[in-house]
All heavy atoms as atom14 arrays in JSON, in Angstrom:
{
  "sequence": "PFLTGWLATALYRNGFPLQAEAALSANVRHTFENG",
  "atom14_mask": [
    [1, 1, 1, 1, 1, 1, 1, 0, 0, 0, 0, 0, 0, 0],
    [1, 1, 1, 1, 1, 1, 1, 1, 1, 1, 1, 0, 0, 0],
    [1, 1, 1, 1, 1, 1, 1, 1, 0, 0, 0, 0, 0, 0],
    [1, 1, 1, 1, 1, 1, 1, 0, 0, 0, 0, 0, 0, 0],
    [1, 1, 1, 1, 0, 0, 0, 0, 0, 0, 0, 0, 0, 0],
    [1, 1, 1, 1, 1, 1, 1, 1, 1, 1, 1, 1, 1, 1],
    [1, 1, 1, 1, 1, 1, 1, 1, 0, 0, 0, 0, 0, 0],
    [1, 1, 1, 1, 1, 0, 0, 0, 0, 0, 0, 0, 0, 0],
    [1, 1, 1, 1, 1, 1, 1, 0, 0, 0, 0, 0, 0, 0],
    [1, 1, 1, 1, 1, 0, 0, 0, 0, 0, 0, 0, 0, 0],
    [1, 1, 1, 1, 1, 1, 1, 1, 0, 0, 0, 0, 0, 0],
    [1, 1, 1, 1, 1, 1, 1, 1, 1, 1, 1, 1, 0, 0],
    [1, 1, 1, 1, 1, 1, 1, 1, 1, 1, 1, 0, 0, 0],
    [1, 1, 1, 1, 1, 1, 1, 1, 0, 0, 0, 0, 0, 0],
    [1, 1, 1, 1, 0, 0, 0, 0, 0, 0, 0, 0, 0, 0],
    [1, 1, 1, 1, 1, 1, 1, 1, 1, 1, 1, 0, 0, 0],
    [1, 1, 1, 1, 1, 1, 1, 0, 0, 0, 0, 0, 0, 0],
    [1, 1, 1, 1, 1, 1, 1, 1, 0, 0, 0, 0, 0, 0],
    [1, 1, 1, 1, 1, 1, 1, 1, 1, 0, 0, 0, 0, 0],
    [1, 1, 1, 1, 1, 0, 0, 0, 0, 0, 0, 0, 0, 0],
    [1, 1, 1, 1, 1, 1, 1, 1, 1, 0, 0, 0, 0, 0],
    [1, 1, 1, 1, 1, 0, 0, 0, 0, 0, 0, 0, 0, 0],
    [1, 1, 1, 1, 1, 0, 0, 0, 0, 0, 0, 0, 0, 0],
    [1, 1, 1, 1, 1, 1, 1, 1, 0, 0, 0, 0, 0, 0],
    [1, 1, 1, 1, 1, 1, 0, 0, 0, 0, 0, 0, 0, 0],
    [1, 1, 1, 1, 1, 0, 0, 0, 0, 0, 0, 0, 0, 0],
    [1, 1, 1, 1, 1, 1, 1, 1, 0, 0, 0, 0, 0, 0],
    [1, 1, 1, 1, 1, 1, 1, 0, 0, 0, 0, 0, 0, 0],
    [1, 1, 1, 1, 1, 1, 1, 1, 1, 1, 1, 0, 0, 0],
    [1, 1, 1, 1, 1, 1, 1, 1, 1, 1, 0, 0, 0, 0],
    [1, 1, 1, 1, 1, 1, 1, 0, 0, 0, 0, 0, 0, 0],
    [1, 1, 1, 1, 1, 1, 1, 1, 1, 1, 1, 0, 0, 0],
    [1, 1, 1, 1, 1, 1, 1, 1, 1, 0, 0, 0, 0, 0],
    [1, 1, 1, 1, 1, 1, 1, 1, 0, 0, 0, 0, 0, 0],
    [1, 1, 1, 1, 0, 0, 0, 0, 0, 0, 0, 0, 0, 0]
  ],
  "atom14_positions": [
    [[27.74, 22.16, 27.82], [27.92, 20.71, 27.94], [29.05, 20.15, 27.07], [29.72, 19.19, 27.49], [26.56, 20.16, 27.51], [25.59, 21.24, 27.88], [26.32, 22.51, 27.59], [0.0, 0.0, 0.0], [0.0, 0.0, 0.0], [0.0, 0.0, 0.0], [0.0, 0.0, 0.0], [0.0, 0.0, 0.0], [0.0, 0.0, 0.0], [0.0, 0.0, 0.0]],
    [[29.3, 20.74, 25.89], [30.38, 20.18, 25.07], [31.74, 20.41, 25.72], [32.63, 19.55, 25.66], [30.31, 20.72, 23.63], [31.24, 21.84, 23.3], [32.45, 21.59, 22.7], [30.88, 23.15, 23.57], [33.31, 22.63, 22.37], [31.73, 24.2, 23.23], [32.95, 23.94, 22.64], [0.0, 0.0, 0.0], [0.0, 0.0, 0.0], [0.0, 0.0, 0.0]],
    [[31.92, 21.54, 26.39], [33.16, 21.78, 27.12], [33.25, 20.87, 28.35], [34.33, 20.37, 28.68], [33.24, 23.25, 27.56], [33.92, 24.22, 26.6], [33.84, 25.64, 27.15], [35.37, 23.84, 26.38], [0.0, 0.0, 0.0], [0.0, 0.0, 0.0], [0.0, 0.0, 0.0], [0.0, 0.0, 0.0], [0.0, 0.0, 0.0], [0.0, 0.0, 0.0]],
    [[32.12, 20.66, 29.01], [32.08, 19.75, 30.14], [32.51, 18.35, 29.71], [33.21, 17.64, 30.43], [30.68, 19.72, 30.76], [30.3, 21.05, 31.16], [30.63, 18.8, 31.97], [0.0, 0.0, 0.0], [0.0, 0.0, 0.0], [0.0, 0.0, 0.0], [0.0, 0.0, 0.0], [0.0, 0.0, 0.0], [0.0, 0.0, 0.0], [0.0, 0.0, 0.0]],
    [[32.1, 17.94, 28.5], [32.48, 16.63, 27.98], [33.97, 16.51, 27.73], [34.59, 15.47, 28.01], [0.0, 0.0, 0.0], [0.0, 0.0, 0.0], [0.0, 0.0, 0.0], [0.0, 0.0, 0.0], [0.0, 0.0, 0.0], [0.0, 0.0, 0.0], [0.0, 0.0, 0.0], [0.0, 0.0, 0.0], [0.0, 0.0, 0.0], [0.0, 0.0, 0.0]],
    [[34.58, 17.57, 27.2], [36.03, 17.55, 26.99], [36.77, 17.5, 28.33], [37.77, 16.78, 28.48], [36.48, 18.77, 26.19], [36.24, 18.62, 24.74], [35.25, 19.18, 23.98], [37.0, 17.82, 23.82], [35.35, 18.79, 22.67], [36.41, 17.95, 22.55], [38.12, 17.0, 23.97], [36.91, 17.31, 21.42], [38.63, 16.35, 22.85], [38.02, 16.5, 21.6]],
    [[36.27, 18.26, 29.31], [36.9, 18.22, 30.63], [36.76, 16.83, 31.24], [37.72, 16.29, 31.8], [36.27, 19.27, 31.54], [36.76, 19.25, 33.0], [38.26, 19.44, 33.08], [36.03, 20.3, 33.82], [0.0, 0.0, 0.0], [0.0, 0.0, 0.0], [0.0, 0.0, 0.0], [0.0, 0.0, 0.0], [0.0, 0.0, 0.0], [0.0, 0.0, 0.0]],
    [[35.57, 16.21, 31.13], [35.38, 14.86, 31.67], [36.36, 13.89, 31.02], [36.96, 13.05, 31.7], [33.95, 14.41, 31.44], [0.0, 0.0, 0.0], [0.0, 0.0, 0.0], [0.0, 0.0, 0.0], [0.0, 0.0, 0.0], [0.0, 0.0, 0.0], [0.0, 0.0, 0.0], [0.0, 0.0, 0.0], [0.0, 0.0, 0.0], [0.0, 0.0, 0.0]],
    [[36.54, 14.0, 29.7], [37.47, 13.12, 29.0], [38.89, 13.32, 29.5], [39.63, 12.35, 29.76], [37.41, 13.36, 27.49], [36.06, 13.24, 27.04], [38.28, 12.38, 26.73], [0.0, 0.0, 0.0], [0.0, 0.0, 0.0], [0.0, 0.0, 0.0], [0.0, 0.0, 0.0], [0.0, 0.0, 0.0], [0.0, 0.0, 0.0], [0.0, 0.0, 0.0]],
    [[39.31, 14.57, 29.65], [40.65, 14.86, 30.15], [40.85, 14.33, 31.57], [41.91, 13.8, 31.91], [40.91, 16.36, 30.1], [0.0, 0.0, 0.0], [0.0, 0.0, 0.0], [0.0, 0.0, 0.0], [0.0, 0.0, 0.0], [0.0, 0.0, 0.0], [0.0, 0.0, 0.0], [0.0, 0.0, 0.0], [0.0, 0.0, 0.0], [0.0, 0.0, 0.0]],
    [[39.81, 14.45, 32.4], [39.9, 13.95, 33.77], [40.05, 12.43, 33.78], [40.89, 11.88, 34.5], [38.66, 14.37, 34.56], [38.56, 15.86, 34.89], [37.15, 16.22, 35.34], [39.57, 16.25, 35.96], [0.0, 0.0, 0.0], [0.0, 0.0, 0.0], [0.0, 0.0, 0.0], [0.0, 0.0, 0.0], [0.0, 0.0, 0.0], [0.0, 0.0, 0.0]],
    [[39.25, 11.74, 32.97], [39.4, 10.28, 32.89], [40.8, 9.9, 32.43], [41.42, 8.98, 32.97], [38.37, 9.72, 31.9], [37.01, 9.45, 32.47], [35.86, 10.0, 31.88], [36.84, 8.62, 33.58], [34.6, 9.74, 32.38], [35.57, 8.36, 34.09], [34.46, 8.91, 33.49], [33.21, 8.65, 33.99], [0.0, 0.0, 0.0], [0.0, 0.0, 0.0]],
    [[41.31, 10.58, 31.41], [42.58, 10.21, 30.81], [43.77, 10.47, 31.74], [44.85, 9.91, 31.55], [42.8, 10.98, 29.51], [41.75, 10.74, 28.44], [41.85, 9.38, 27.83], [43.1, 9.18, 27.11], [43.4, 8.07, 26.46], [42.56, 7.05, 26.45], [44.54, 7.96, 25.81], [0.0, 0.0, 0.0], [0.0, 0.0, 0.0], [0.0, 0.0, 0.0]],
    [[43.57, 11.34, 32.73], [44.69, 11.74, 33.59], [44.52, 11.31, 35.04], [45.17, 11.87, 35.92], [44.88, 13.26, 33.51], [45.46, 13.7, 32.17], [46.67, 13.74, 31.99], [44.59, 14.03, 31.22], [0.0, 0.0, 0.0], [0.0, 0.0, 0.0], [0.0, 0.0, 0.0], [0.0, 0.0, 0.0], [0.0, 0.0, 0.0], [0.0, 0.0, 0.0]],
    [[43.67, 10.33, 35.29], [43.59, 9.75, 36.62], [42.72, 10.48, 37.61], [43.01, 10.45, 38.81], [0.0, 0.0, 0.0], [0.0, 0.0, 0.0], [0.0, 0.0, 0.0], [0.0, 0.0, 0.0], [0.0, 0.0, 0.0], [0.0, 0.0, 0.0], [0.0, 0.0, 0.0], [0.0, 0.0, 0.0], [0.0, 0.0, 0.0], [0.0, 0.0, 0.0]],
    [[41.64, 11.09, 37.14], [40.68, 11.77, 38.01], [39.27, 11.17, 37.8], [38.35, 11.86, 37.39], [40.62, 13.27, 37.69], [41.85, 14.05, 38.03], [42.96, 14.02, 37.2], [41.91, 14.84, 39.16], [44.1, 14.76, 37.48], [43.04, 15.58, 39.47], [44.14, 15.55, 38.63], [0.0, 0.0, 0.0], [0.0, 0.0, 0.0], [0.0, 0.0, 0.0]],
    [[39.08, 9.89, 38.05], [37.81, 9.26, 37.69], [36.6, 9.79, 38.45], [35.5, 9.85, 37.89], [38.05, 7.78, 37.98], [39.14, 7.77, 39.01], [40.02, 8.94, 38.65], [0.0, 0.0, 0.0], [0.0, 0.0, 0.0], [0.0, 0.0, 0.0], [0.0, 0.0, 0.0], [0.0, 0.0, 0.0], [0.0, 0.0, 0.0], [0.0, 0.0, 0.0]],
    [[36.76, 10.14, 39.72], [35.61, 10.64, 40.48], [35.14, 11.98, 39.96], [33.94, 12.23, 39.79], [35.98, 10.74, 41.97], [36.24, 9.42, 42.68], [36.88, 9.65, 44.02], [34.94, 8.63, 42.82], [0.0, 0.0, 0.0], [0.0, 0.0, 0.0], [0.0, 0.0, 0.0], [0.0, 0.0, 0.0], [0.0, 0.0, 0.0], [0.0, 0.0, 0.0]],
    [[36.1, 12.88, 39.69], [35.74, 14.18, 39.15], [35.18, 14.05, 37.74], [34.25, 14.77, 37.36], [36.96, 15.1, 39.15], [37.53, 15.38, 40.55], [38.59, 14.39, 40.99], [38.55, 13.21, 40.65], [39.57, 14.87, 41.75], [0.0, 0.0, 0.0], [0.0, 0.0, 0.0], [0.0, 0.0, 0.0], [0.0, 0.0, 0.0], [0.0, 0.0, 0.0]],
    [[35.73, 13.11, 36.97], [35.23, 12.87, 35.61], [33.8, 12.37, 35.64], [32.95, 12.79, 34.84], [36.13, 11.87, 34.9], [0.0, 0.0, 0.0], [0.0, 0.0, 0.0], [0.0, 0.0, 0.0], [0.0, 0.0, 0.0], [0.0, 0.0, 0.0], [0.0, 0.0, 0.0], [0.0, 0.0, 0.0], [0.0, 0.0, 0.0], [0.0, 0.0, 0.0]],
    [[33.5, 11.46, 36.57], [32.15, 10.91, 36.68], [31.15, 12.01, 37.01], [30.03, 12.02, 36.5], [32.13, 9.81, 37.74], [30.91, 8.91, 37.7], [29.73, 9.45, 38.47], [29.9, 10.4, 39.28], [28.62, 8.93, 38.28], [0.0, 0.0, 0.0], [0.0, 0.0, 0.0], [0.0, 0.0, 0.0], [0.0, 0.0, 0.0], [0.0, 0.0, 0.0]],
    [[31.55, 12.97, 37.86], [30.66, 14.07, 38.21], [30.35, 14.93, 36.98], [29.2, 15.34, 36.76], [31.29, 14.92, 39.31], [0.0, 0.0, 0.0], [0.0, 0.0, 0.0], [0.0, 0.0, 0.0], [0.0, 0.0, 0.0], [0.0, 0.0, 0.0], [0.0, 0.0, 0.0], [0.0, 0.0, 0.0], [0.0, 0.0, 0.0], [0.0, 0.0, 0.0]],
    [[31.38, 15.21, 36.17], [31.17, 16.02, 34.97], [30.32, 15.28, 33.94], [29.39, 15.85, 33.35], [32.52, 16.41, 34.36], [0.0, 0.0, 0.0], [0.0, 0.0, 0.0], [0.0, 0.0, 0.0], [0.0, 0.0, 0.0], [0.0, 0.0, 0.0], [0.0, 0.0, 0.0], [0.0, 0.0, 0.0], [0.0, 0.0, 0.0], [0.0, 0.0, 0.0]],
    [[30.62, 13.99, 33.71], [29.85, 13.21, 32.76], [28.4, 13.07, 33.21], [27.47, 13.22, 32.4], [30.49, 11.83, 32.59], [29.72, 10.82, 31.74], [29.47, 11.35, 30.34], [30.47, 9.48, 31.7], [0.0, 0.0, 0.0], [0.0, 0.0, 0.0], [0.0, 0.0, 0.0], [0.0, 0.0, 0.0], [0.0, 0.0, 0.0], [0.0, 0.0, 0.0]],
    [[28.17, 12.8, 34.49], [26.81, 12.66, 34.99], [26.01, 13.94, 34.83], [24.8, 13.89, 34.56], [26.84, 12.24, 36.47], [27.38, 10.95, 36.63], [0.0, 0.0, 0.0], [0.0, 0.0, 0.0], [0.0, 0.0, 0.0], [0.0, 0.0, 0.0], [0.0, 0.0, 0.0], [0.0, 0.0, 0.0], [0.0, 0.0, 0.0], [0.0, 0.0, 0.0]],
    [[26.66, 15.09, 34.97], [25.97, 16.36, 34.75], [25.43, 16.44, 33.33], [24.28, 16.85, 33.1], [26.91, 17.52, 35.04], [0.0, 0.0, 0.0], [0.0, 0.0, 0.0], [0.0, 0.0, 0.0], [0.0, 0.0, 0.0], [0.0, 0.0, 0.0], [0.0, 0.0, 0.0], [0.0, 0.0, 0.0], [0.0, 0.0, 0.0], [0.0, 0.0, 0.0]],
    [[26.25, 16.04, 32.36], [25.79, 16.05, 30.96], [24.69, 15.03, 30.72], [23.72, 15.3, 30.01], [26.97, 15.77, 30.03], [27.76, 17.02, 29.68], [27.39, 18.13, 30.07], [28.84, 16.86, 28.96], [0.0, 0.0, 0.0], [0.0, 0.0, 0.0], [0.0, 0.0, 0.0], [0.0, 0.0, 0.0], [0.0, 0.0, 0.0], [0.0, 0.0, 0.0]],
    [[24.83, 13.85, 31.29], [23.81, 12.81, 31.09], [22.46, 13.28, 31.62], [21.41, 13.06, 30.98], [24.25, 11.51, 31.77], [23.1, 10.5, 31.79], [25.46, 10.91, 31.06], [0.0, 0.0, 0.0], [0.0, 0.0, 0.0], [0.0, 0.0, 0.0], [0.0, 0.0, 0.0], [0.0, 0.0, 0.0], [0.0, 0.0, 0.0], [0.0, 0.0, 0.0]],
    [[22.45, 13.93, 32.78], [21.18, 14.41, 33.35], [20.48, 15.39, 32.42], [19.24, 15.43, 32.35], [21.42, 15.06, 34.71], [21.72, 14.09, 35.82], [21.62, 14.75, 37.18], [22.49, 15.91, 37.29], [23.75, 15.87, 37.7], [24.29, 14.7, 38.02], [24.48, 16.95, 37.78], [0.0, 0.0, 0.0], [0.0, 0.0, 0.0], [0.0, 0.0, 0.0]],
    [[21.25, 16.21, 31.69], [20.63, 17.18, 30.78], [19.81, 16.5, 29.69], [18.89, 17.11, 29.15], [21.71, 18.06, 30.14], [22.38, 18.99, 31.11], [21.71, 19.68, 32.08], [23.69, 19.36, 31.24], [22.55, 20.42, 32.78], [23.77, 20.24, 32.29], [0.0, 0.0, 0.0], [0.0, 0.0, 0.0], [0.0, 0.0, 0.0], [0.0, 0.0, 0.0]],
    [[20.15, 15.25, 29.37], [19.4, 14.53, 28.34], [17.95, 14.3, 28.76], [17.07, 14.11, 27.92], [20.07, 13.18, 28.06], [21.47, 13.38, 27.85], [19.49, 12.49, 26.84], [0.0, 0.0, 0.0], [0.0, 0.0, 0.0], [0.0, 0.0, 0.0], [0.0, 0.0, 0.0], [0.0, 0.0, 0.0], [0.0, 0.0, 0.0], [0.0, 0.0, 0.0]],
    [[17.69, 14.32, 30.05], [16.36, 13.98, 30.57], [15.67, 15.15, 31.26], [14.5, 15.04, 31.63], [16.49, 12.82, 31.57], [17.16, 11.61, 30.99], [18.52, 11.4, 31.16], [16.44, 10.68, 30.26], [19.14, 10.28, 30.62], [17.05, 9.56, 29.72], [18.41, 9.36, 29.9], [0.0, 0.0, 0.0], [0.0, 0.0, 0.0], [0.0, 0.0, 0.0]],
    [[16.36, 16.27, 31.45], [15.79, 17.35, 32.25], [14.85, 18.24, 31.47], [13.89, 18.77, 32.03], [16.92, 18.21, 32.84], [17.68, 17.55, 33.96], [18.81, 18.4, 34.49], [19.33, 19.25, 33.74], [19.16, 18.22, 35.65], [0.0, 0.0, 0.0], [0.0, 0.0, 0.0], [0.0, 0.0, 0.0], [0.0, 0.0, 0.0], [0.0, 0.0, 0.0]],
    [[15.12, 18.46, 30.21], [14.36, 19.45, 29.45], [13.67, 18.76, 28.27], [12.67, 18.08, 28.44], [15.29, 20.59, 29.01], [15.93, 21.27, 30.22], [15.23, 21.81, 31.07], [17.25, 21.21, 30.32], [0.0, 0.0, 0.0], [0.0, 0.0, 0.0], [0.0, 0.0, 0.0], [0.0, 0.0, 0.0], [0.0, 0.0, 0.0], [0.0, 0.0, 0.0]],
    [[14.2, 18.88, 27.04], [13.67, 18.12, 25.92], [14.26, 16.73, 25.96], [15.47, 16.56, 25.84], [0.0, 0.0, 0.0], [0.0, 0.0, 0.0], [0.0, 0.0, 0.0], [0.0, 0.0, 0.0], [0.0, 0.0, 0.0], [0.0, 0.0, 0.0], [0.0, 0.0, 0.0], [0.0, 0.0, 0.0], [0.0, 0.0, 0.0], [0.0, 0.0, 0.0]]
  ]
}
């Protein structure tokens, strides 16, 4: 997830908002899936 977060940030910063949202949402879901 920490690498996914860096990729999401890079995508946002370089004009890939849809792909960034997919990566960020993947990390957000992990907050609720397990512990």
